[in-house]
Amino acid sequence: MSRLYEVMFILRPDIAEEDAEKLIAGFTTSVTNGGGTVKSVEKMGRRKLAYLVRKFADGNYVLLTIEASGPVVLELERRLRVTEQVIKFITVRMDEEEKRLAKMKAKRGVRRAAEPPAAAATPATPAAPAEPAPASSEAAQASA
């Protein structure tokens, strides 16, 4: 069964651009050879890391969006783990996330449809004229 995944990995900052391209091409071919498809490859560039990872303060971020089965993703993760230029990676299954977001949007839509809009709930009526103050309060103010 094929599912949608996002694989983000961080390459060492001292890697050459040509070497980074070769690594990305190698990862994409491992996915396609396993029977998966690569939806997109997004090179996010060099960014500062939140904390030191293998003595590096920054790295080159790459995001792969793939559609593949479980064994293909496991093989890709194995390759990422043993590749020295990759200092960190994470894989996230996106089909469950998309289902969850669609469910939340549907609930919000039902809730909004059930609630009447604020402007329509209170009809516009002309303001009633203000009643005069009772005489006792006027007398109290005059004596004070």
N, C-alpha and C. Protein backbone atom coordinates (compact mmCIF):
# COMPACT_ATOMS: atom_id res chain seq x y z
N MET A 1 0.84 -1.17 0.00
CA MET A 1 0.00 0.00 0.00
C MET A 1 0.89 1.24 0.00
N SER A 2 0.60 2.13 -0.89
CA SER A 2 1.41 3.32 -1.06
C SER A 2 0.82 4.47 -0.26
N ARG A 3 1.67 5.17 0.49
CA ARG A 3 1.25 6.30 1.32
C ARG A 3 2.13 7.50 1.03
N LEU A 4 1.65 8.65 1.46
CA LEU A 4 2.37 9.90 1.23
C LEU A 4 3.23 10.22 2.46
N TYR A 5 4.50 10.53 2.24
CA TYR A 5 5.45 10.83 3.30
C TYR A 5 6.21 12.11 2.97
N GLU A 6 6.61 12.82 4.01
CA GLU A 6 7.57 13.92 3.87
C GLU A 6 8.82 13.51 4.61
N VAL A 7 9.95 13.58 3.91
CA VAL A 7 11.23 13.24 4.51
C VAL A 7 12.09 14.50 4.47
N MET A 8 12.42 15.01 5.65
CA MET A 8 13.29 16.18 5.73
C MET A 8 14.63 15.72 6.29
N PHE A 9 15.69 16.12 5.63
CA PHE A 9 17.01 15.81 6.15
C PHE A 9 17.90 17.03 6.04
N ILE A 10 18.92 17.04 6.91
CA ILE A 10 19.86 18.16 6.98
C ILE A 10 21.23 17.65 6.58
N LEU A 11 21.80 18.30 5.59
CA LEU A 11 23.14 17.95 5.12
C LEU A 11 24.17 18.85 5.80
N ARG A 12 25.38 18.34 5.89
CA ARG A 12 26.47 19.12 6.49
C ARG A 12 26.63 20.45 5.75
N PRO A 13 26.97 21.52 6.46
CA PRO A 13 27.10 22.82 5.80
C PRO A 13 28.33 22.93 4.90
N ASP A 14 29.33 22.07 5.11
CA ASP A 14 30.56 22.17 4.32
C ASP A 14 30.52 21.32 3.06
N ILE A 15 29.38 20.74 2.72
CA ILE A 15 29.27 19.89 1.53
C ILE A 15 29.13 20.79 0.29
N ALA A 16 29.76 20.38 -0.80
CA ALA A 16 29.68 21.13 -2.05
C ALA A 16 28.30 20.94 -2.68
N GLU A 17 27.89 21.91 -3.48
CA GLU A 17 26.57 21.87 -4.12
C GLU A 17 26.42 20.65 -5.04
N GLU A 18 27.49 20.32 -5.76
CA GLU A 18 27.44 19.16 -6.67
C GLU A 18 27.27 17.86 -5.88
N ASP A 19 27.96 17.76 -4.74
CA ASP A 19 27.83 16.57 -3.91
C ASP A 19 26.43 16.46 -3.31
N ALA A 20 25.86 17.59 -2.95
CA ALA A 20 24.50 17.59 -2.41
C ALA A 20 23.52 17.12 -3.48
N GLU A 21 23.70 17.58 -4.71
CA GLU A 21 22.84 17.15 -5.82
C GLU A 21 22.95 15.64 -6.04
N LYS A 22 24.18 15.11 -5.96
CA LYS A 22 24.38 13.67 -6.14
C LYS A 22 23.68 12.88 -5.04
N LEU A 23 23.78 13.35 -3.80
CA LEU A 23 23.12 12.68 -2.68
C LEU A 23 21.60 12.67 -2.86
N ILE A 24 21.05 13.81 -3.22
CA ILE A 24 19.60 13.90 -3.41
C ILE A 24 19.16 12.99 -4.55
N ALA A 25 19.95 12.98 -5.64
CA ALA A 25 19.63 12.09 -6.76
C ALA A 25 19.69 10.63 -6.34
N GLY A 26 20.66 10.29 -5.50
CA GLY A 26 20.76 8.92 -5.01
C GLY A 26 19.57 8.51 -4.16
N PHE A 27 19.10 9.42 -3.32
CA PHE A 27 17.93 9.13 -2.49
C PHE A 27 16.67 9.00 -3.33
N THR A 28 16.52 9.86 -4.34
CA THR A 28 15.34 9.77 -5.18
C THR A 28 15.34 8.50 -6.02
N THR A 29 16.52 8.08 -6.50
CA THR A 29 16.57 6.83 -7.26
C THR A 29 16.30 5.62 -6.38
N SER A 30 16.71 5.67 -5.12
CA SER A 30 16.40 4.55 -4.23
C SER A 30 14.89 4.45 -4.01
N VAL A 31 14.19 5.57 -3.98
CA VAL A 31 12.73 5.56 -3.84
C VAL A 31 12.09 5.01 -5.12
N THR A 32 12.53 5.51 -6.27
CA THR A 32 11.91 5.07 -7.53
C THR A 32 12.24 3.61 -7.84
N ASN A 33 13.44 3.15 -7.48
CA ASN A 33 13.78 1.74 -7.70
C ASN A 33 12.96 0.82 -6.82
N GLY A 34 12.53 1.31 -5.67
CA GLY A 34 11.71 0.51 -4.77
C GLY A 34 10.24 0.50 -5.14
N GLY A 35 9.86 1.25 -6.13
CA GLY A 35 8.47 1.27 -6.56
C GLY A 35 7.71 2.50 -6.11
N GLY A 36 8.37 3.45 -5.47
CA GLY A 36 7.71 4.67 -5.03
C GLY A 36 7.88 5.79 -6.05
N THR A 37 7.25 6.90 -5.78
CA THR A 37 7.39 8.07 -6.64
C THR A 37 7.78 9.27 -5.79
N VAL A 38 8.60 10.12 -6.36
CA VAL A 38 9.01 11.35 -5.69
C VAL A 38 8.12 12.47 -6.22
N LYS A 39 7.30 13.03 -5.32
CA LYS A 39 6.37 14.09 -5.71
C LYS A 39 7.10 15.43 -5.88
N SER A 40 7.99 15.74 -4.92
CA SER A 40 8.71 17.01 -5.02
C SER A 40 10.00 16.94 -4.23
N VAL A 41 10.96 17.74 -4.66
CA VAL A 41 12.23 17.91 -3.95
C VAL A 41 12.39 19.41 -3.74
N GLU A 42 12.47 19.80 -2.48
CA GLU A 42 12.60 21.22 -2.15
C GLU A 42 13.87 21.43 -1.35
N LYS A 43 14.80 22.16 -1.96
CA LYS A 43 16.02 22.53 -1.25
C LYS A 43 15.75 23.85 -0.55
N MET A 44 15.75 23.80 0.78
CA MET A 44 15.38 24.97 1.57
C MET A 44 16.58 25.85 1.90
N GLY A 45 17.76 25.40 1.55
CA GLY A 45 18.94 26.23 1.75
C GLY A 45 19.59 26.04 3.11
N ARG A 46 20.58 26.88 3.34
CA ARG A 46 21.36 26.79 4.58
C ARG A 46 20.66 27.57 5.68
N ARG A 47 20.46 26.90 6.82
CA ARG A 47 19.78 27.52 7.95
C ARG A 47 20.52 27.19 9.24
N LYS A 48 20.30 28.03 10.22
CA LYS A 48 20.91 27.82 11.53
C LYS A 48 20.12 26.76 12.28
N LEU A 49 20.83 25.85 12.94
CA LEU A 49 20.19 24.81 13.74
C LEU A 49 19.86 25.35 15.13
N ALA A 50 18.87 24.75 15.76
CA ALA A 50 18.47 25.19 17.10
C ALA A 50 19.54 24.84 18.14
N TYR A 51 20.27 23.76 17.89
CA TYR A 51 21.33 23.33 18.80
C TYR A 51 22.40 22.62 17.97
N LEU A 52 23.57 22.42 18.55
CA LEU A 52 24.66 21.77 17.84
C LEU A 52 24.30 20.32 17.54
N VAL A 53 24.51 19.92 16.30
CA VAL A 53 24.30 18.53 15.88
C VAL A 53 25.60 18.08 15.24
N ARG A 54 26.24 17.12 15.85
CA ARG A 54 27.55 16.62 15.37
C ARG A 54 28.54 17.76 15.17
N LYS A 55 28.54 18.70 16.09
CA LYS A 55 29.44 19.86 16.11
C LYS A 55 29.17 20.86 14.98
N PHE A 56 27.98 20.84 14.41
CA PHE A 56 27.61 21.79 13.36
C PHE A 56 26.52 22.71 13.92
N ALA A 57 26.65 24.01 13.63
CA ALA A 57 25.67 24.99 14.09
C ALA A 57 24.64 25.31 13.02
N ASP A 58 24.91 24.96 11.76
CA ASP A 58 23.95 25.15 10.69
C ASP A 58 24.06 24.02 9.69
N GLY A 59 23.09 23.97 8.77
CA GLY A 59 23.07 22.88 7.80
C GLY A 59 22.19 23.22 6.62
N ASN A 60 22.29 22.40 5.58
CA ASN A 60 21.49 22.56 4.37
C ASN A 60 20.25 21.66 4.46
N TYR A 61 19.08 22.27 4.47
CA TYR A 61 17.82 21.54 4.62
C TYR A 61 17.29 21.10 3.26
N VAL A 62 16.78 19.86 3.20
CA VAL A 62 16.17 19.33 1.99
C VAL A 62 14.89 18.63 2.40
N LEU A 63 13.81 18.87 1.65
CA LEU A 63 12.52 18.25 1.92
C LEU A 63 12.10 17.42 0.71
N LEU A 64 11.91 16.12 0.92
CA LEU A 64 11.42 15.23 -0.13
C LEU A 64 9.97 14.87 0.19
N THR A 65 9.10 14.98 -0.77
CA THR A 65 7.73 14.50 -0.63
C THR A 65 7.62 13.28 -1.52
N ILE A 66 7.36 12.11 -0.90
CA ILE A 66 7.35 10.87 -1.67
C ILE A 66 6.05 10.11 -1.42
N GLU A 67 5.71 9.27 -2.38
CA GLU A 67 4.60 8.35 -2.23
C GLU A 67 5.20 6.96 -2.38
N ALA A 68 5.17 6.19 -1.30
CA ALA A 68 5.84 4.89 -1.30
C ALA A 68 5.23 3.98 -0.25
N SER A 69 5.65 2.72 -0.31
CA SER A 69 5.21 1.75 0.69
C SER A 69 6.19 1.74 1.86
N GLY A 70 5.84 1.02 2.91
CA GLY A 70 6.65 0.98 4.12
C GLY A 70 8.08 0.51 3.92
N PRO A 71 8.29 -0.62 3.22
CA PRO A 71 9.68 -1.09 3.03
C PRO A 71 10.57 -0.10 2.27
N VAL A 72 10.00 0.65 1.34
CA VAL A 72 10.78 1.64 0.59
C VAL A 72 11.21 2.76 1.54
N VAL A 73 10.32 3.19 2.41
CA VAL A 73 10.65 4.25 3.37
C VAL A 73 11.70 3.75 4.35
N LEU A 74 11.57 2.50 4.79
CA LEU A 74 12.59 1.94 5.69
C LEU A 74 13.97 1.91 5.04
N GLU A 75 14.01 1.55 3.77
CA GLU A 75 15.29 1.52 3.05
C GLU A 75 15.86 2.93 2.91
N LEU A 76 15.00 3.90 2.61
CA LEU A 76 15.45 5.29 2.50
C LEU A 76 16.00 5.78 3.85
N GLU A 77 15.31 5.46 4.93
CA GLU A 77 15.79 5.86 6.25
C GLU A 77 17.12 5.19 6.59
N ARG A 78 17.28 3.94 6.19
CA ARG A 78 18.55 3.25 6.43
C ARG A 78 19.67 3.97 5.69
N ARG A 79 19.42 4.34 4.44
CA ARG A 79 20.44 5.06 3.66
C ARG A 79 20.76 6.42 4.27
N LEU A 80 19.74 7.11 4.76
CA LEU A 80 19.97 8.40 5.40
C LEU A 80 20.81 8.23 6.67
N ARG A 81 20.55 7.16 7.41
CA ARG A 81 21.24 6.92 8.67
C ARG A 81 22.73 6.64 8.44
N VAL A 82 23.07 5.91 7.39
CA VAL A 82 24.47 5.52 7.17
C VAL A 82 25.26 6.52 6.32
N THR A 83 24.58 7.49 5.73
CA THR A 83 25.27 8.50 4.93
C THR A 83 25.90 9.53 5.85
N GLU A 84 27.19 9.71 5.72
CA GLU A 84 27.94 10.58 6.62
C GLU A 84 27.57 12.05 6.46
N GLN A 85 27.19 12.47 5.26
CA GLN A 85 26.88 13.88 5.01
C GLN A 85 25.53 14.30 5.62
N VAL A 86 24.67 13.33 5.93
CA VAL A 86 23.38 13.64 6.54
C VAL A 86 23.57 13.68 8.05
N ILE A 87 23.27 14.85 8.65
CA ILE A 87 23.48 14.95 10.09
C ILE A 87 22.19 14.75 10.89
N LYS A 88 21.04 14.89 10.25
CA LYS A 88 19.76 14.69 10.93
C LYS A 88 18.68 14.45 9.89
N PHE A 89 17.66 13.62 10.21
CA PHE A 89 16.54 13.43 9.30
C PHE A 89 15.30 13.07 10.09
N ILE A 90 14.15 13.29 9.46
CA ILE A 90 12.87 12.91 10.05
C ILE A 90 11.92 12.55 8.91
N THR A 91 11.09 11.53 9.15
CA THR A 91 10.09 11.10 8.19
C THR A 91 8.72 11.23 8.83
N VAL A 92 7.79 11.85 8.12
CA VAL A 92 6.44 12.07 8.63
C VAL A 92 5.44 11.53 7.61
N ARG A 93 4.50 10.72 8.09
CA ARG A 93 3.45 10.19 7.22
C ARG A 93 2.37 11.26 7.09
N MET A 94 2.12 11.71 5.88
CA MET A 94 1.24 12.86 5.67
C MET A 94 -0.21 12.48 5.40
N ASP A 95 -0.52 11.26 4.99
CA ASP A 95 -1.90 10.93 4.67
C ASP A 95 -2.78 10.98 5.92
N GLU A 96 -2.27 10.54 7.06
CA GLU A 96 -3.02 10.62 8.31
C GLU A 96 -3.20 12.08 8.73
N GLU A 97 -2.18 12.88 8.53
CA GLU A 97 -2.25 14.30 8.89
C GLU A 97 -3.29 15.01 8.03
N GLU A 98 -3.34 14.69 6.74
CA GLU A 98 -4.32 15.31 5.85
C GLU A 98 -5.74 14.90 6.24
N LYS A 99 -5.92 13.64 6.63
CA LYS A 99 -7.24 13.18 7.09
C LYS A 99 -7.67 13.94 8.34
N ARG A 100 -6.73 14.12 9.27
CA ARG A 100 -7.03 14.82 10.51
C ARG A 100 -7.41 16.27 10.23
N LEU A 101 -6.67 16.93 9.34
CA LEU A 101 -6.97 18.32 9.01
C LEU A 101 -8.32 18.45 8.31
N ALA A 102 -8.64 17.51 7.42
CA ALA A 102 -9.93 17.53 6.73
C ALA A 102 -11.07 17.34 7.72
N LYS A 103 -10.87 16.48 8.70
CA LYS A 103 -11.89 16.23 9.72
C LYS A 103 -12.12 17.49 10.55
N MET A 104 -11.03 18.17 10.93
CA MET A 104 -11.15 19.40 11.71
C MET A 104 -11.87 20.49 10.92
N LYS A 105 -11.54 20.62 9.63
CA LYS A 105 -12.20 21.62 8.79
C LYS A 105 -13.68 21.32 8.65
N ALA A 106 -14.04 20.04 8.52
CA ALA A 106 -15.45 19.66 8.40
C ALA A 106 -16.20 20.00 9.68
N LYS A 107 -15.59 19.74 10.84
CA LYS A 107 -16.23 20.09 12.11
C LYS A 107 -16.44 21.60 12.23
N ARG A 108 -15.45 22.35 11.82
CA ARG A 108 -15.57 23.81 11.89
C ARG A 108 -16.66 24.31 10.97
N GLY A 109 -16.77 23.71 9.79
CA GLY A 109 -17.81 24.10 8.85
C GLY A 109 -19.20 23.80 9.38
N VAL A 110 -19.38 22.65 10.03
CA VAL A 110 -20.68 22.28 10.61
C VAL A 110 -21.01 23.22 11.76
N ARG A 111 -20.02 23.53 12.58
CA ARG A 111 -20.23 24.42 13.72
C ARG A 111 -20.62 25.82 13.22
N ARG A 112 -19.97 26.30 12.19
CA ARG A 112 -20.28 27.63 11.66
C ARG A 112 -21.66 27.65 11.02
N ALA A 113 -22.05 26.58 10.37
CA ALA A 113 -23.36 26.52 9.74
C ALA A 113 -24.46 26.48 10.80
N ALA A 114 -24.21 25.85 11.94
CA ALA A 114 -25.21 25.75 13.00
C ALA A 114 -25.39 27.08 13.73
N GLU A 115 -24.35 27.85 13.87
CA GLU A 115 -24.44 29.13 14.56
C GLU A 115 -24.90 30.20 13.59
N PRO A 116 -25.93 30.99 13.98
CA PRO A 116 -26.34 32.09 13.10
C PRO A 116 -25.31 33.20 13.16
N PRO A 117 -25.13 33.89 12.08
CA PRO A 117 -24.18 35.02 12.10
C PRO A 117 -24.62 36.07 13.11
N ALA A 118 -23.71 36.79 13.69
CA ALA A 118 -24.00 37.77 14.75
C ALA A 118 -24.88 38.90 14.23
N ALA A 119 -24.68 39.36 13.03
CA ALA A 119 -25.46 40.48 12.48
C ALA A 119 -26.89 40.04 12.21
N ALA A 120 -27.10 38.82 11.78
CA ALA A 120 -28.45 38.35 11.47
C ALA A 120 -29.20 37.94 12.73
N ALA A 121 -28.52 37.62 13.81
CA ALA A 121 -29.16 37.16 15.03
C ALA A 121 -29.92 38.29 15.72
N THR A 122 -29.40 39.50 15.68
CA THR A 122 -30.07 40.63 16.31
C THR A 122 -30.61 41.54 15.22
N PRO A 123 -31.92 41.57 15.04
CA PRO A 123 -32.47 42.43 13.99
C PRO A 123 -32.29 43.90 14.37
N ALA A 124 -32.13 44.71 13.37
CA ALA A 124 -31.92 46.14 13.60
C ALA A 124 -33.25 46.79 13.94
N THR A 125 -33.38 47.35 15.15
CA THR A 125 -34.59 48.05 15.58
C THR A 125 -34.22 49.47 15.92
N PRO A 126 -35.13 50.39 15.70
CA PRO A 126 -34.80 51.78 16.05
C PRO A 126 -34.66 51.89 17.56
N ALA A 127 -33.79 52.76 17.98
CA ALA A 127 -33.53 52.96 19.40
C ALA A 127 -34.74 53.60 20.07
N ALA A 128 -35.14 53.06 21.21
CA ALA A 128 -36.28 53.61 21.96
C ALA A 128 -35.85 54.90 22.62
N PRO A 129 -36.75 55.88 22.72
CA PRO A 129 -36.37 57.13 23.37
C PRO A 129 -36.09 56.90 24.85
N ALA A 130 -35.14 57.62 25.35
CA ALA A 130 -34.74 57.45 26.75
C ALA A 130 -35.85 57.95 27.66
N GLU A 131 -36.14 57.19 28.71
CA GLU A 131 -37.18 57.59 29.65
C GLU A 131 -36.62 58.64 30.58
N PRO A 132 -37.45 59.57 31.02
CA PRO A 132 -36.96 60.58 31.96
C PRO A 132 -36.65 59.93 33.31
N ALA A 133 -35.71 60.49 34.00
CA ALA A 133 -35.32 59.96 35.31
C ALA A 133 -36.45 60.16 36.30
N PRO A 134 -36.58 59.25 37.26
CA PRO A 134 -37.65 59.43 38.26
C PRO A 134 -37.45 60.72 39.05
N ALA A 135 -38.56 61.26 39.52
CA ALA A 135 -38.54 62.54 40.23
C ALA A 135 -37.76 62.46 41.53
N SER A 136 -37.78 61.33 42.18
CA SER A 136 -37.09 61.21 43.45
C SER A 136 -35.59 61.39 43.31
N SER A 137 -35.02 60.92 42.20
CA SER A 137 -33.58 61.08 42.02
C SER A 137 -33.23 62.53 41.71
N GLU A 138 -34.16 63.25 41.02
CA GLU A 138 -33.91 64.67 40.71
C GLU A 138 -33.95 65.48 42.01
N ALA A 139 -34.86 65.13 42.87
CA ALA A 139 -34.97 65.87 44.12
C ALA A 139 -33.77 65.61 45.01
N ALA A 140 -33.27 64.40 44.97
CA ALA A 140 -32.10 64.05 45.77
C ALA A 140 -30.88 64.80 45.28
N GLN A 141 -30.77 64.99 43.98
CA GLN A 141 -29.63 65.70 43.42
C GLN A 141 -29.73 67.20 43.76
N ALA A 142 -30.93 67.74 43.75
CA ALA A 142 -31.10 69.17 44.01
C ALA A 142 -30.78 69.50 45.48
N SER A 143 -31.12 68.60 46.41
CA SER A 143 -30.88 68.87 47.81
C SER A 143 -29.43 68.68 48.20
N ALA A 144 -28.66 68.02 47.41
CA ALA A 144 -27.28 67.72 47.75
C ALA A 144 -26.35 68.84 47.48
